[in-house]
Amino acid sequence: MSKEIILGSSSKYRAQALGTLGLELGVDFSQQSPDIDETAEPMESPRTLAARLALAKAKVIAQNNPGKVVIGSDQTGACGDRTLEKPGSIEAAIESLTYCSGKTAVFYTGLVVYQHAYPQESDGGDKYTLDVETTHLQFRALTTAQINDYVLRDLPLDCAGSFKAEGLGVALFESIRAEDPSALIGLPLIRLVSRLQEFGINILRGSPDRPNGAT
C-alpha cells in the first residue's frame, strides 16, 4: 500500500473484514481505538448517530496521525421502538432476539475515510468522505428453543442485535436487503474500496482508469 492505513476501531470483526480485502494487520494497516463519547444526543436518530460517531472516530485519530488514511465506522440498529445494542450476557441476547422475532430491524453503518493534512502542506485542509449504508433484516418467527440454541452455539454477546450475521446468525433471518451486504458486519467493504481509491489506495493493484478490455 502506498499510504499507511489506520483502522479507527478496536473491533476484531472490522479488522477481519479488512483482511478479506487482502490487507494484513500490522503490515498494511494498524488499529487505534478512538477515545470519544458515544452517547446519543437527545432525539438523535440511529442513522444520524452512526454518521456522527463514524466521523468523530476517524477525525480524532486522523488529527493525531497527519498524512495517514484513517477508516472510521460506527453501526446502530433499531427494531420497532428499541435500539439494538450489544447484549453483554446470554440472558440479554435471548431477550433481544425474542423481541425481534418476526419483526424487521434496520441497521445503519456509518463509514468515514479521513486524512488530516500535514501543517506544512500548501493546499491545507482535511479530506474525508462520509457514507451511511442501510440494511433491512427480516427476522424469522423464532421459537424459544431456536433462540436459546442459537445464542448458546454462537455466543453473540459482543454483537449489536445479538447475532453474528457472518456465521450461524444468518439462519435467524428470512431476508436481508442491502446495497452493500458486507455493511452488516460493521464495515461496508464495497463502499470502502471505492472510497480508498479516492485517497490513492487501490485494493486491486491495477490502474482504475483503464479496465480490462479498454483501449
N, C-alpha and C. Protein backbone atom coordinates (compact mmCIF):
# COMPACT_ATOMS: atom_id res chain seq x y z
N MET A 1 0.83 -1.19 0.00
CA MET A 1 0.00 0.00 0.00
C MET A 1 0.88 1.26 0.00
N SER A 2 0.48 2.25 -0.78
CA SER A 2 1.28 3.46 -0.92
C SER A 2 1.15 4.38 0.28
N LYS A 3 0.09 4.28 1.04
CA LYS A 3 -0.12 5.13 2.20
C LYS A 3 -0.52 4.25 3.38
N GLU A 4 -0.08 4.63 4.56
CA GLU A 4 -0.42 3.83 5.72
C GLU A 4 -1.88 4.03 6.08
N ILE A 5 -2.55 2.91 6.38
CA ILE A 5 -3.96 2.93 6.74
C ILE A 5 -4.08 2.65 8.24
N ILE A 6 -4.95 3.39 8.89
CA ILE A 6 -5.27 3.13 10.29
C ILE A 6 -6.75 2.83 10.39
N LEU A 7 -7.08 1.71 10.98
CA LEU A 7 -8.47 1.37 11.28
C LEU A 7 -8.80 1.97 12.64
N GLY A 8 -9.71 2.93 12.63
CA GLY A 8 -10.06 3.62 13.87
C GLY A 8 -11.07 2.85 14.68
N SER A 9 -10.71 1.67 15.09
CA SER A 9 -11.61 0.79 15.83
C SER A 9 -10.79 -0.33 16.44
N SER A 10 -11.20 -0.76 17.61
CA SER A 10 -10.55 -1.91 18.24
C SER A 10 -11.28 -3.21 17.90
N SER A 11 -12.32 -3.14 17.06
CA SER A 11 -13.14 -4.29 16.74
C SER A 11 -12.36 -5.36 15.96
N LYS A 12 -12.38 -6.58 16.47
CA LYS A 12 -11.74 -7.67 15.76
C LYS A 12 -12.51 -8.03 14.50
N TYR A 13 -13.82 -7.77 14.50
CA TYR A 13 -14.63 -8.09 13.34
C TYR A 13 -14.32 -7.15 12.17
N ARG A 14 -14.11 -5.87 12.46
CA ARG A 14 -13.74 -4.93 11.40
C ARG A 14 -12.34 -5.23 10.88
N ALA A 15 -11.43 -5.62 11.77
CA ALA A 15 -10.08 -5.98 11.33
C ALA A 15 -10.12 -7.21 10.43
N GLN A 16 -10.94 -8.18 10.80
CA GLN A 16 -11.08 -9.37 9.96
C GLN A 16 -11.68 -9.03 8.61
N ALA A 17 -12.61 -8.06 8.60
CA ALA A 17 -13.22 -7.65 7.34
C ALA A 17 -12.16 -7.05 6.41
N LEU A 18 -11.29 -6.21 6.94
CA LEU A 18 -10.21 -5.66 6.11
C LEU A 18 -9.31 -6.77 5.59
N GLY A 19 -9.17 -7.82 6.38
CA GLY A 19 -8.37 -8.95 5.94
C GLY A 19 -8.92 -9.63 4.71
N THR A 20 -10.23 -9.58 4.53
CA THR A 20 -10.82 -10.19 3.33
C THR A 20 -10.47 -9.41 2.08
N LEU A 21 -10.01 -8.16 2.24
CA LEU A 21 -9.57 -7.36 1.10
C LEU A 21 -8.08 -7.55 0.82
N GLY A 22 -7.47 -8.48 1.52
CA GLY A 22 -6.05 -8.75 1.31
C GLY A 22 -5.14 -7.86 2.13
N LEU A 23 -5.70 -7.12 3.08
CA LEU A 23 -4.89 -6.26 3.94
C LEU A 23 -4.52 -7.00 5.22
N GLU A 24 -3.27 -6.91 5.58
CA GLU A 24 -2.77 -7.65 6.74
C GLU A 24 -2.53 -6.71 7.91
N LEU A 25 -3.12 -7.04 9.05
CA LEU A 25 -2.94 -6.25 10.26
C LEU A 25 -1.47 -6.23 10.65
N GLY A 26 -0.94 -5.05 10.91
CA GLY A 26 0.46 -4.90 11.27
C GLY A 26 1.38 -4.70 10.10
N VAL A 27 0.87 -4.96 8.90
CA VAL A 27 1.66 -4.76 7.68
C VAL A 27 1.03 -3.68 6.81
N ASP A 28 -0.23 -3.89 6.44
CA ASP A 28 -0.93 -2.93 5.58
C ASP A 28 -1.76 -1.92 6.37
N PHE A 29 -2.14 -2.29 7.58
CA PHE A 29 -2.90 -1.35 8.40
C PHE A 29 -2.67 -1.65 9.88
N SER A 30 -2.90 -0.61 10.68
CA SER A 30 -2.82 -0.75 12.13
C SER A 30 -4.18 -0.39 12.71
N GLN A 31 -4.36 -0.65 13.99
CA GLN A 31 -5.60 -0.34 14.67
C GLN A 31 -5.34 0.63 15.81
N GLN A 32 -6.22 1.61 15.93
CA GLN A 32 -6.21 2.52 17.08
C GLN A 32 -7.64 2.69 17.55
N SER A 33 -7.82 2.68 18.85
CA SER A 33 -9.16 2.83 19.41
C SER A 33 -9.41 4.29 19.74
N PRO A 34 -10.43 4.91 19.14
CA PRO A 34 -10.71 6.32 19.42
C PRO A 34 -11.33 6.50 20.80
N ASP A 35 -10.95 7.60 21.43
CA ASP A 35 -11.48 7.91 22.76
C ASP A 35 -12.52 9.02 22.60
N ILE A 36 -13.77 8.64 22.39
CA ILE A 36 -14.84 9.62 22.22
C ILE A 36 -16.06 9.20 23.03
N ASP A 37 -16.92 10.14 23.29
CA ASP A 37 -18.18 9.88 23.97
C ASP A 37 -19.19 9.39 22.93
N GLU A 38 -19.70 8.18 23.10
CA GLU A 38 -20.62 7.61 22.11
C GLU A 38 -22.09 7.75 22.52
N THR A 39 -22.36 8.59 23.51
CA THR A 39 -23.73 8.79 23.95
C THR A 39 -24.55 9.50 22.88
N ALA A 40 -25.73 8.99 22.62
CA ALA A 40 -26.61 9.62 21.64
C ALA A 40 -27.11 10.96 22.17
N GLU A 41 -27.26 11.91 21.26
CA GLU A 41 -27.82 13.21 21.64
C GLU A 41 -29.34 13.10 21.72
N PRO A 42 -30.00 14.00 22.46
CA PRO A 42 -31.46 13.95 22.58
C PRO A 42 -32.14 13.95 21.21
N MET A 43 -33.05 13.00 21.02
CA MET A 43 -33.85 12.88 19.81
C MET A 43 -33.01 12.56 18.57
N GLU A 44 -31.77 12.13 18.75
CA GLU A 44 -30.91 11.80 17.62
C GLU A 44 -31.33 10.47 17.01
N SER A 45 -31.51 10.44 15.70
CA SER A 45 -31.93 9.21 15.03
C SER A 45 -30.77 8.23 14.95
N PRO A 46 -31.04 6.91 14.84
CA PRO A 46 -29.96 5.93 14.71
C PRO A 46 -29.06 6.21 13.51
N ARG A 47 -29.64 6.65 12.39
CA ARG A 47 -28.84 6.95 11.20
C ARG A 47 -27.88 8.13 11.46
N THR A 48 -28.41 9.19 12.06
CA THR A 48 -27.58 10.36 12.35
C THR A 48 -26.49 10.02 13.35
N LEU A 49 -26.81 9.20 14.34
CA LEU A 49 -25.83 8.80 15.34
C LEU A 49 -24.69 8.01 14.71
N ALA A 50 -25.02 7.07 13.82
CA ALA A 50 -23.98 6.26 13.17
C ALA A 50 -23.05 7.14 12.35
N ALA A 51 -23.61 8.12 11.64
CA ALA A 51 -22.79 9.02 10.83
C ALA A 51 -21.91 9.90 11.71
N ARG A 52 -22.50 10.46 12.76
CA ARG A 52 -21.75 11.37 13.63
C ARG A 52 -20.59 10.66 14.32
N LEU A 53 -20.85 9.46 14.84
CA LEU A 53 -19.80 8.75 15.56
C LEU A 53 -18.70 8.24 14.62
N ALA A 54 -19.07 7.80 13.43
CA ALA A 54 -18.05 7.36 12.47
C ALA A 54 -17.11 8.51 12.13
N LEU A 55 -17.68 9.70 11.93
CA LEU A 55 -16.85 10.87 11.62
C LEU A 55 -15.99 11.27 12.81
N ALA A 56 -16.57 11.27 13.99
CA ALA A 56 -15.82 11.65 15.19
C ALA A 56 -14.65 10.71 15.44
N LYS A 57 -14.88 9.41 15.26
CA LYS A 57 -13.82 8.42 15.49
C LYS A 57 -12.67 8.62 14.51
N ALA A 58 -13.01 8.78 13.24
CA ALA A 58 -11.98 8.95 12.22
C ALA A 58 -11.21 10.25 12.42
N LYS A 59 -11.93 11.32 12.73
CA LYS A 59 -11.30 12.64 12.84
C LYS A 59 -10.31 12.71 13.98
N VAL A 60 -10.68 12.19 15.15
CA VAL A 60 -9.80 12.31 16.31
C VAL A 60 -8.50 11.54 16.10
N ILE A 61 -8.57 10.41 15.42
CA ILE A 61 -7.35 9.65 15.16
C ILE A 61 -6.54 10.28 14.04
N ALA A 62 -7.21 10.77 12.99
CA ALA A 62 -6.51 11.39 11.87
C ALA A 62 -5.73 12.63 12.31
N GLN A 63 -6.30 13.39 13.21
CA GLN A 63 -5.64 14.62 13.65
C GLN A 63 -4.36 14.33 14.43
N ASN A 64 -4.26 13.13 14.98
CA ASN A 64 -3.03 12.72 15.67
C ASN A 64 -2.07 11.97 14.76
N ASN A 65 -2.51 11.74 13.52
CA ASN A 65 -1.69 10.99 12.57
C ASN A 65 -1.75 11.66 11.19
N PRO A 66 -1.23 12.88 11.06
CA PRO A 66 -1.34 13.61 9.80
C PRO A 66 -0.74 12.85 8.63
N GLY A 67 -1.45 12.91 7.50
CA GLY A 67 -0.99 12.25 6.29
C GLY A 67 -1.45 10.83 6.13
N LYS A 68 -1.85 10.19 7.23
CA LYS A 68 -2.28 8.80 7.16
C LYS A 68 -3.78 8.73 6.88
N VAL A 69 -4.18 7.66 6.24
CA VAL A 69 -5.58 7.47 5.87
C VAL A 69 -6.27 6.66 6.97
N VAL A 70 -7.28 7.26 7.56
CA VAL A 70 -7.97 6.64 8.71
C VAL A 70 -9.37 6.20 8.29
N ILE A 71 -9.72 4.99 8.68
CA ILE A 71 -11.05 4.45 8.44
C ILE A 71 -11.82 4.48 9.76
N GLY A 72 -12.94 5.17 9.76
CA GLY A 72 -13.82 5.20 10.93
C GLY A 72 -15.16 4.60 10.58
N SER A 73 -15.73 3.85 11.49
CA SER A 73 -17.02 3.23 11.23
C SER A 73 -17.80 3.11 12.52
N ASP A 74 -19.11 3.23 12.41
CA ASP A 74 -19.97 3.02 13.57
C ASP A 74 -21.29 2.43 13.07
N GLN A 75 -21.90 1.63 13.90
CA GLN A 75 -23.14 0.96 13.49
C GLN A 75 -24.20 1.08 14.58
N THR A 76 -25.40 1.41 14.15
CA THR A 76 -26.54 1.43 15.05
C THR A 76 -27.65 0.58 14.45
N GLY A 77 -28.49 0.05 15.30
CA GLY A 77 -29.60 -0.77 14.84
C GLY A 77 -30.86 -0.48 15.61
N ALA A 78 -32.00 -0.66 14.96
CA ALA A 78 -33.28 -0.43 15.63
C ALA A 78 -34.29 -1.45 15.15
N CYS A 79 -35.15 -1.85 16.08
CA CYS A 79 -36.25 -2.76 15.76
C CYS A 79 -37.47 -2.25 16.51
N GLY A 80 -38.49 -1.86 15.77
CA GLY A 80 -39.63 -1.23 16.42
C GLY A 80 -39.19 0.04 17.11
N ASP A 81 -39.51 0.18 18.39
CA ASP A 81 -39.12 1.37 19.14
C ASP A 81 -37.89 1.11 20.01
N ARG A 82 -37.14 0.06 19.68
CA ARG A 82 -36.00 -0.34 20.51
C ARG A 82 -34.69 -0.19 19.74
N THR A 83 -33.69 0.38 20.42
CA THR A 83 -32.34 0.42 19.88
C THR A 83 -31.66 -0.90 20.19
N LEU A 84 -31.03 -1.49 19.19
CA LEU A 84 -30.38 -2.78 19.37
C LEU A 84 -28.92 -2.58 19.73
N GLU A 85 -28.54 -3.06 20.89
CA GLU A 85 -27.20 -2.86 21.40
C GLU A 85 -26.50 -4.21 21.61
N LYS A 86 -25.25 -4.14 22.01
CA LYS A 86 -24.52 -5.36 22.36
C LYS A 86 -25.10 -5.91 23.65
N PRO A 87 -25.50 -7.19 23.68
CA PRO A 87 -26.20 -7.70 24.86
C PRO A 87 -25.32 -7.85 26.10
N GLY A 88 -24.10 -8.34 25.92
CA GLY A 88 -23.20 -8.48 27.06
C GLY A 88 -23.42 -9.72 27.91
N SER A 89 -24.58 -10.35 27.77
CA SER A 89 -24.85 -11.57 28.53
C SER A 89 -25.78 -12.47 27.72
N ILE A 90 -25.79 -13.75 28.07
CA ILE A 90 -26.65 -14.71 27.38
C ILE A 90 -28.12 -14.34 27.58
N GLU A 91 -28.46 -13.95 28.79
CA GLU A 91 -29.86 -13.63 29.10
C GLU A 91 -30.33 -12.43 28.27
N ALA A 92 -29.50 -11.40 28.17
CA ALA A 92 -29.87 -10.22 27.40
C ALA A 92 -29.97 -10.53 25.91
N ALA A 93 -29.09 -11.41 25.41
CA ALA A 93 -29.14 -11.79 24.00
C ALA A 93 -30.44 -12.53 23.68
N ILE A 94 -30.83 -13.44 24.57
CA ILE A 94 -32.07 -14.17 24.38
C ILE A 94 -33.27 -13.23 24.41
N GLU A 95 -33.26 -12.29 25.33
CA GLU A 95 -34.36 -11.34 25.43
C GLU A 95 -34.46 -10.47 24.19
N SER A 96 -33.31 -10.02 23.65
CA SER A 96 -33.30 -9.17 22.47
C SER A 96 -33.83 -9.91 21.25
N LEU A 97 -33.40 -11.15 21.05
CA LEU A 97 -33.86 -11.92 19.90
C LEU A 97 -35.33 -12.30 20.03
N THR A 98 -35.77 -12.51 21.25
CA THR A 98 -37.19 -12.79 21.48
C THR A 98 -38.03 -11.59 21.05
N TYR A 99 -37.56 -10.40 21.37
CA TYR A 99 -38.27 -9.17 20.98
C TYR A 99 -38.29 -9.02 19.46
N CYS A 100 -37.18 -9.33 18.80
CA CYS A 100 -37.05 -9.12 17.36
C CYS A 100 -37.73 -10.21 16.53
N SER A 101 -38.06 -11.32 17.14
CA SER A 101 -38.64 -12.44 16.41
C SER A 101 -39.86 -12.00 15.59
N GLY A 102 -39.80 -12.28 14.28
CA GLY A 102 -40.90 -11.95 13.39
C GLY A 102 -40.96 -10.50 12.96
N LYS A 103 -40.04 -9.67 13.45
CA LYS A 103 -40.06 -8.24 13.13
C LYS A 103 -38.97 -7.89 12.12
N THR A 104 -39.02 -6.65 11.64
CA THR A 104 -37.99 -6.11 10.76
C THR A 104 -37.10 -5.16 11.54
N ALA A 105 -35.80 -5.35 11.41
CA ALA A 105 -34.83 -4.46 12.03
C ALA A 105 -34.08 -3.71 10.94
N VAL A 106 -33.62 -2.53 11.27
CA VAL A 106 -32.85 -1.72 10.33
C VAL A 106 -31.52 -1.36 10.99
N PHE A 107 -30.43 -1.62 10.26
CA PHE A 107 -29.10 -1.27 10.73
C PHE A 107 -28.50 -0.19 9.85
N TYR A 108 -27.85 0.77 10.50
CA TYR A 108 -27.18 1.86 9.80
C TYR A 108 -25.68 1.77 10.09
N THR A 109 -24.88 1.70 9.04
CA THR A 109 -23.44 1.59 9.20
C THR A 109 -22.78 2.82 8.61
N GLY A 110 -22.22 3.66 9.48
CA GLY A 110 -21.52 4.84 9.03
C GLY A 110 -20.08 4.50 8.66
N LEU A 111 -19.61 5.06 7.56
CA LEU A 111 -18.25 4.82 7.09
C LEU A 111 -17.60 6.16 6.75
N VAL A 112 -16.45 6.42 7.34
CA VAL A 112 -15.69 7.63 7.04
C VAL A 112 -14.25 7.24 6.70
N VAL A 113 -13.74 7.82 5.63
CA VAL A 113 -12.31 7.73 5.32
C VAL A 113 -11.77 9.15 5.44
N TYR A 114 -10.76 9.34 6.27
CA TYR A 114 -10.33 10.68 6.67
C TYR A 114 -8.81 10.80 6.58
N GLN A 115 -8.36 11.94 6.05
CA GLN A 115 -6.92 12.23 6.01
C GLN A 115 -6.69 13.66 6.47
N HIS A 116 -5.91 13.80 7.52
CA HIS A 116 -5.57 15.12 8.07
C HIS A 116 -4.29 15.60 7.41
N ALA A 117 -4.33 16.78 6.85
CA ALA A 117 -3.19 17.30 6.10
C ALA A 117 -2.04 17.66 7.03
N TYR A 118 -0.82 17.51 6.52
CA TYR A 118 0.34 18.00 7.25
C TYR A 118 0.27 19.53 7.34
N PRO A 119 0.68 20.12 8.46
CA PRO A 119 0.59 21.58 8.60
C PRO A 119 1.32 22.34 7.50
N GLN A 120 2.41 21.77 6.98
CA GLN A 120 3.20 22.50 6.00
C GLN A 120 2.68 22.37 4.58
N GLU A 121 1.64 21.56 4.38
CA GLU A 121 1.11 21.40 3.03
C GLU A 121 0.37 22.66 2.61
N SER A 122 0.69 23.14 1.41
CA SER A 122 0.15 24.41 0.94
C SER A 122 -1.34 24.36 0.66
N ASP A 123 -1.84 23.21 0.19
CA ASP A 123 -3.26 23.14 -0.15
C ASP A 123 -4.13 23.10 1.11
N GLY A 124 -3.55 22.64 2.22
CA GLY A 124 -4.23 22.68 3.52
C GLY A 124 -5.53 21.92 3.54
N GLY A 125 -6.15 21.95 4.71
CA GLY A 125 -7.47 21.35 4.84
C GLY A 125 -7.45 19.84 4.98
N ASP A 126 -8.45 19.32 5.65
CA ASP A 126 -8.63 17.88 5.77
C ASP A 126 -9.49 17.38 4.64
N LYS A 127 -9.30 16.11 4.29
CA LYS A 127 -10.11 15.47 3.26
C LYS A 127 -10.81 14.28 3.90
N TYR A 128 -12.11 14.18 3.67
CA TYR A 128 -12.81 12.99 4.17
C TYR A 128 -14.06 12.71 3.35
N THR A 129 -14.50 11.48 3.41
CA THR A 129 -15.76 11.07 2.81
C THR A 129 -16.63 10.47 3.90
N LEU A 130 -17.94 10.60 3.73
CA LEU A 130 -18.88 10.07 4.72
C LEU A 130 -20.03 9.38 4.01
N ASP A 131 -20.28 8.14 4.37
CA ASP A 131 -21.38 7.35 3.81
C ASP A 131 -22.10 6.64 4.94
N VAL A 132 -23.38 6.39 4.73
CA VAL A 132 -24.16 5.57 5.66
C VAL A 132 -24.89 4.51 4.84
N GLU A 133 -24.58 3.26 5.10
CA GLU A 133 -25.22 2.14 4.42
C GLU A 133 -26.36 1.60 5.29
N THR A 134 -27.50 1.30 4.64
CA THR A 134 -28.68 0.82 5.36
C THR A 134 -28.94 -0.64 5.03
N THR A 135 -29.21 -1.43 6.06
CA THR A 135 -29.51 -2.85 5.90
C THR A 135 -30.83 -3.17 6.59
N HIS A 136 -31.74 -3.81 5.85
CA HIS A 136 -33.03 -4.22 6.41
C HIS A 136 -33.00 -5.73 6.65
N LEU A 137 -33.34 -6.12 7.87
CA LEU A 137 -33.33 -7.54 8.26
C LEU A 137 -34.74 -7.97 8.65
N GLN A 138 -35.22 -9.00 8.00
CA GLN A 138 -36.50 -9.58 8.39
C GLN A 138 -36.23 -10.84 9.20
N PHE A 139 -36.52 -10.77 10.50
CA PHE A 139 -36.31 -11.92 11.37
C PHE A 139 -37.38 -12.98 11.12
N ARG A 140 -36.97 -14.23 11.21
CA ARG A 140 -37.94 -15.33 11.19
C ARG A 140 -38.77 -15.29 12.48
N ALA A 141 -39.91 -15.92 12.45
CA ALA A 141 -40.68 -16.15 13.67
C ALA A 141 -40.00 -17.29 14.41
N LEU A 142 -39.24 -16.95 15.44
CA LEU A 142 -38.38 -17.91 16.11
C LEU A 142 -39.02 -18.45 17.38
N THR A 143 -38.82 -19.73 17.65
CA THR A 143 -39.30 -20.31 18.89
C THR A 143 -38.29 -20.05 20.00
N THR A 144 -38.73 -20.21 21.22
CA THR A 144 -37.82 -20.04 22.35
C THR A 144 -36.66 -21.01 22.26
N ALA A 145 -36.94 -22.24 21.86
CA ALA A 145 -35.88 -23.25 21.75
C ALA A 145 -34.86 -22.86 20.69
N GLN A 146 -35.34 -22.33 19.56
CA GLN A 146 -34.43 -21.92 18.49
C GLN A 146 -33.54 -20.77 18.94
N ILE A 147 -34.11 -19.82 19.63
CA ILE A 147 -33.33 -18.68 20.11
C ILE A 147 -32.28 -19.13 21.12
N ASN A 148 -32.68 -19.95 22.05
CA ASN A 148 -31.73 -20.46 23.06
C ASN A 148 -30.60 -21.23 22.40
N ASP A 149 -30.95 -22.07 21.43
CA ASP A 149 -29.95 -22.88 20.73
C ASP A 149 -28.96 -21.99 20.01
N TYR A 150 -29.47 -20.97 19.33
CA TYR A 150 -28.58 -20.08 18.59
C TYR A 150 -27.62 -19.35 19.52
N VAL A 151 -28.15 -18.75 20.56
CA VAL A 151 -27.31 -17.95 21.46
C VAL A 151 -26.23 -18.80 22.11
N LEU A 152 -26.58 -20.00 22.54
CA LEU A 152 -25.60 -20.87 23.19
C LEU A 152 -24.53 -21.37 22.21
N ARG A 153 -24.89 -21.51 20.95
CA ARG A 153 -23.92 -22.00 19.96
C ARG A 153 -23.02 -20.89 19.43
N ASP A 154 -23.57 -19.69 19.20
CA ASP A 154 -22.81 -18.62 18.56
C ASP A 154 -22.26 -17.60 19.56
N LEU A 155 -22.85 -17.51 20.75
CA LEU A 155 -22.43 -16.58 21.79
C LEU A 155 -22.18 -15.17 21.23
N PRO A 156 -23.21 -14.53 20.69
CA PRO A 156 -23.05 -13.21 20.08
C PRO A 156 -23.14 -12.07 21.10
N LEU A 157 -22.39 -12.19 22.17
CA LEU A 157 -22.55 -11.28 23.30
C LEU A 157 -21.94 -9.90 23.05
N ASP A 158 -21.01 -9.81 22.08
CA ASP A 158 -20.37 -8.53 21.78
C ASP A 158 -20.82 -7.98 20.44
N CYS A 159 -22.00 -8.42 20.00
CA CYS A 159 -22.51 -8.02 18.68
C CYS A 159 -23.83 -7.28 18.82
N ALA A 160 -23.92 -6.10 18.24
CA ALA A 160 -25.17 -5.34 18.26
C ALA A 160 -26.29 -6.16 17.61
N GLY A 161 -27.42 -6.26 18.29
CA GLY A 161 -28.52 -7.05 17.76
C GLY A 161 -28.51 -8.49 18.21
N SER A 162 -27.41 -8.91 18.87
CA SER A 162 -27.31 -10.28 19.42
C SER A 162 -27.23 -11.35 18.35
N PHE A 163 -26.51 -11.07 17.26
CA PHE A 163 -26.31 -12.08 16.23
C PHE A 163 -25.00 -11.83 15.49
N LYS A 164 -24.46 -12.89 14.92
CA LYS A 164 -23.28 -12.82 14.06
C LYS A 164 -23.72 -13.19 12.65
N ALA A 165 -23.97 -12.17 11.84
CA ALA A 165 -24.52 -12.40 10.50
C ALA A 165 -23.56 -13.14 9.59
N GLU A 166 -22.25 -13.06 9.90
CA GLU A 166 -21.27 -13.75 9.06
C GLU A 166 -21.18 -15.23 9.40
N GLY A 167 -21.91 -15.66 10.42
CA GLY A 167 -21.88 -17.06 10.83
C GLY A 167 -23.27 -17.65 10.91
N LEU A 168 -23.53 -18.37 11.97
CA LEU A 168 -24.82 -19.04 12.16
C LEU A 168 -25.98 -18.06 12.24
N GLY A 169 -25.69 -16.82 12.60
CA GLY A 169 -26.74 -15.82 12.74
C GLY A 169 -27.58 -15.61 11.50
N VAL A 170 -27.03 -15.93 10.33
CA VAL A 170 -27.80 -15.76 9.09
C VAL A 170 -29.05 -16.62 9.09
N ALA A 171 -29.07 -17.69 9.89
CA ALA A 171 -30.24 -18.58 9.97
C ALA A 171 -31.41 -17.92 10.68
N LEU A 172 -31.18 -16.78 11.32
CA LEU A 172 -32.24 -16.09 12.05
C LEU A 172 -33.15 -15.28 11.12
N PHE A 173 -32.72 -15.08 9.87
CA PHE A 173 -33.42 -14.14 9.01
C PHE A 173 -34.15 -14.80 7.85
N GLU A 174 -35.28 -14.20 7.49
CA GLU A 174 -35.97 -14.59 6.27
C GLU A 174 -35.37 -13.87 5.07
N SER A 175 -34.90 -12.65 5.28
CA SER A 175 -34.31 -11.89 4.18
C SER A 175 -33.40 -10.80 4.73
N ILE A 176 -32.43 -10.42 3.91
CA ILE A 176 -31.54 -9.30 4.20
C ILE A 176 -31.48 -8.45 2.95
N ARG A 177 -31.81 -7.17 3.08
CA ARG A 177 -31.80 -6.26 1.93
C ARG A 177 -30.78 -5.15 2.17
N ALA A 178 -29.81 -5.06 1.26
CA ALA A 178 -28.78 -4.04 1.39
C ALA A 178 -28.05 -3.88 0.06
N GLU A 179 -27.61 -2.66 -0.23
CA GLU A 179 -26.78 -2.45 -1.41
C GLU A 179 -25.38 -3.01 -1.19
N ASP A 180 -24.93 -2.98 0.05
CA ASP A 180 -23.60 -3.49 0.40
C ASP A 180 -23.78 -4.52 1.51
N PRO A 181 -23.90 -5.81 1.17
CA PRO A 181 -24.15 -6.84 2.18
C PRO A 181 -23.10 -6.89 3.29
N SER A 182 -21.87 -6.47 2.98
CA SER A 182 -20.82 -6.52 4.00
C SER A 182 -21.01 -5.48 5.09
N ALA A 183 -21.90 -4.52 4.88
CA ALA A 183 -22.10 -3.47 5.88
C ALA A 183 -22.57 -4.04 7.21
N LEU A 184 -23.29 -5.14 7.16
CA LEU A 184 -23.87 -5.69 8.38
C LEU A 184 -22.81 -6.17 9.36
N ILE A 185 -21.63 -6.50 8.89
CA ILE A 185 -20.57 -6.93 9.80
C ILE A 185 -19.82 -5.74 10.40
N GLY A 186 -20.26 -4.52 10.04
CA GLY A 186 -19.69 -3.33 10.66
C GLY A 186 -18.76 -2.51 9.79
N LEU A 187 -18.48 -3.01 8.58
CA LEU A 187 -17.59 -2.28 7.67
C LEU A 187 -18.05 -2.51 6.24
N PRO A 188 -18.61 -1.50 5.57
CA PRO A 188 -19.12 -1.67 4.20
C PRO A 188 -17.97 -1.76 3.20
N LEU A 189 -17.57 -2.96 2.86
CA LEU A 189 -16.36 -3.16 2.08
C LEU A 189 -16.48 -2.68 0.64
N ILE A 190 -17.65 -2.84 0.04
CA ILE A 190 -17.82 -2.39 -1.35
C ILE A 190 -17.62 -0.89 -1.42
N ARG A 191 -18.27 -0.16 -0.53
CA ARG A 191 -18.12 1.29 -0.49
C ARG A 191 -16.70 1.68 -0.11
N LEU A 192 -16.10 0.95 0.83
CA LEU A 192 -14.76 1.28 1.29
C LEU A 192 -13.74 1.19 0.17
N VAL A 193 -13.83 0.16 -0.67
CA VAL A 193 -12.89 0.02 -1.79
C VAL A 193 -12.95 1.26 -2.69
N SER A 194 -14.16 1.74 -2.97
CA SER A 194 -14.31 2.94 -3.80
C SER A 194 -13.74 4.17 -3.12
N ARG A 195 -13.99 4.32 -1.83
CA ARG A 195 -13.50 5.49 -1.12
C ARG A 195 -11.98 5.49 -0.98
N LEU A 196 -11.39 4.34 -0.71
CA LEU A 196 -9.93 4.27 -0.61
C LEU A 196 -9.28 4.66 -1.93
N GLN A 197 -9.94 4.30 -3.01
CA GLN A 197 -9.41 4.64 -4.33
C GLN A 197 -9.32 6.16 -4.49
N GLU A 198 -10.26 6.89 -3.91
CA GLU A 198 -10.24 8.35 -3.97
C GLU A 198 -9.06 8.93 -3.19
N PHE A 199 -8.52 8.14 -2.28
CA PHE A 199 -7.36 8.57 -1.50
C PHE A 199 -6.06 7.99 -2.06
N GLY A 200 -6.13 7.44 -3.25
CA GLY A 200 -4.95 6.91 -3.90
C GLY A 200 -4.55 5.52 -3.47
N ILE A 201 -5.46 4.79 -2.83
CA ILE A 201 -5.17 3.43 -2.38
C ILE A 201 -6.04 2.47 -3.17
N ASN A 202 -5.41 1.66 -3.99
CA ASN A 202 -6.14 0.73 -4.85
C ASN A 202 -6.00 -0.70 -4.33
N ILE A 203 -7.10 -1.28 -3.92
CA ILE A 203 -7.10 -2.65 -3.41
C ILE A 203 -6.70 -3.62 -4.51
N LEU A 204 -7.24 -3.42 -5.71
CA LEU A 204 -6.81 -4.17 -6.88
C LEU A 204 -5.69 -3.38 -7.53
N ARG A 205 -4.52 -3.95 -7.56
CA ARG A 205 -3.31 -3.18 -7.88
C ARG A 205 -3.10 -2.95 -9.37
N GLY A 206 -4.14 -2.59 -10.07
CA GLY A 206 -4.02 -2.15 -11.44
C GLY A 206 -4.57 -0.74 -11.53
N SER A 207 -4.40 -0.10 -12.66
CA SER A 207 -4.91 1.25 -12.81
C SER A 207 -6.42 1.24 -12.87
N PRO A 208 -7.11 2.02 -12.02
CA PRO A 208 -8.57 2.06 -12.07
C PRO A 208 -9.07 2.81 -13.30
N ASP A 209 -8.17 3.51 -13.99
CA ASP A 209 -8.58 4.31 -15.14
C ASP A 209 -8.60 3.51 -16.44
N ARG A 210 -8.09 2.28 -16.41
CA ARG A 210 -8.03 1.51 -17.64
C ARG A 210 -8.47 0.07 -17.35
N PRO A 211 -9.79 -0.17 -17.28
CA PRO A 211 -10.29 -1.52 -17.00
C PRO A 211 -9.92 -2.48 -18.12
N ASN A 212 -9.98 -3.76 -17.77
CA ASN A 212 -9.64 -4.82 -18.74
C ASN A 212 -10.53 -4.71 -19.97
N GLY A 213 -9.88 -4.69 -21.14
CA GLY A 213 -10.61 -4.62 -22.38
C GLY A 213 -10.75 -3.21 -22.93
N ALA A 214 -10.36 -2.18 -22.09
CA ALA A 214 -10.46 -0.81 -22.57
C ALA A 214 -9.32 -0.51 -23.49
N THR A 215 -9.53 0.42 -24.38
CA THR A 215 -8.47 0.81 -25.32
C THR A 215 -8.14 2.28 -25.15
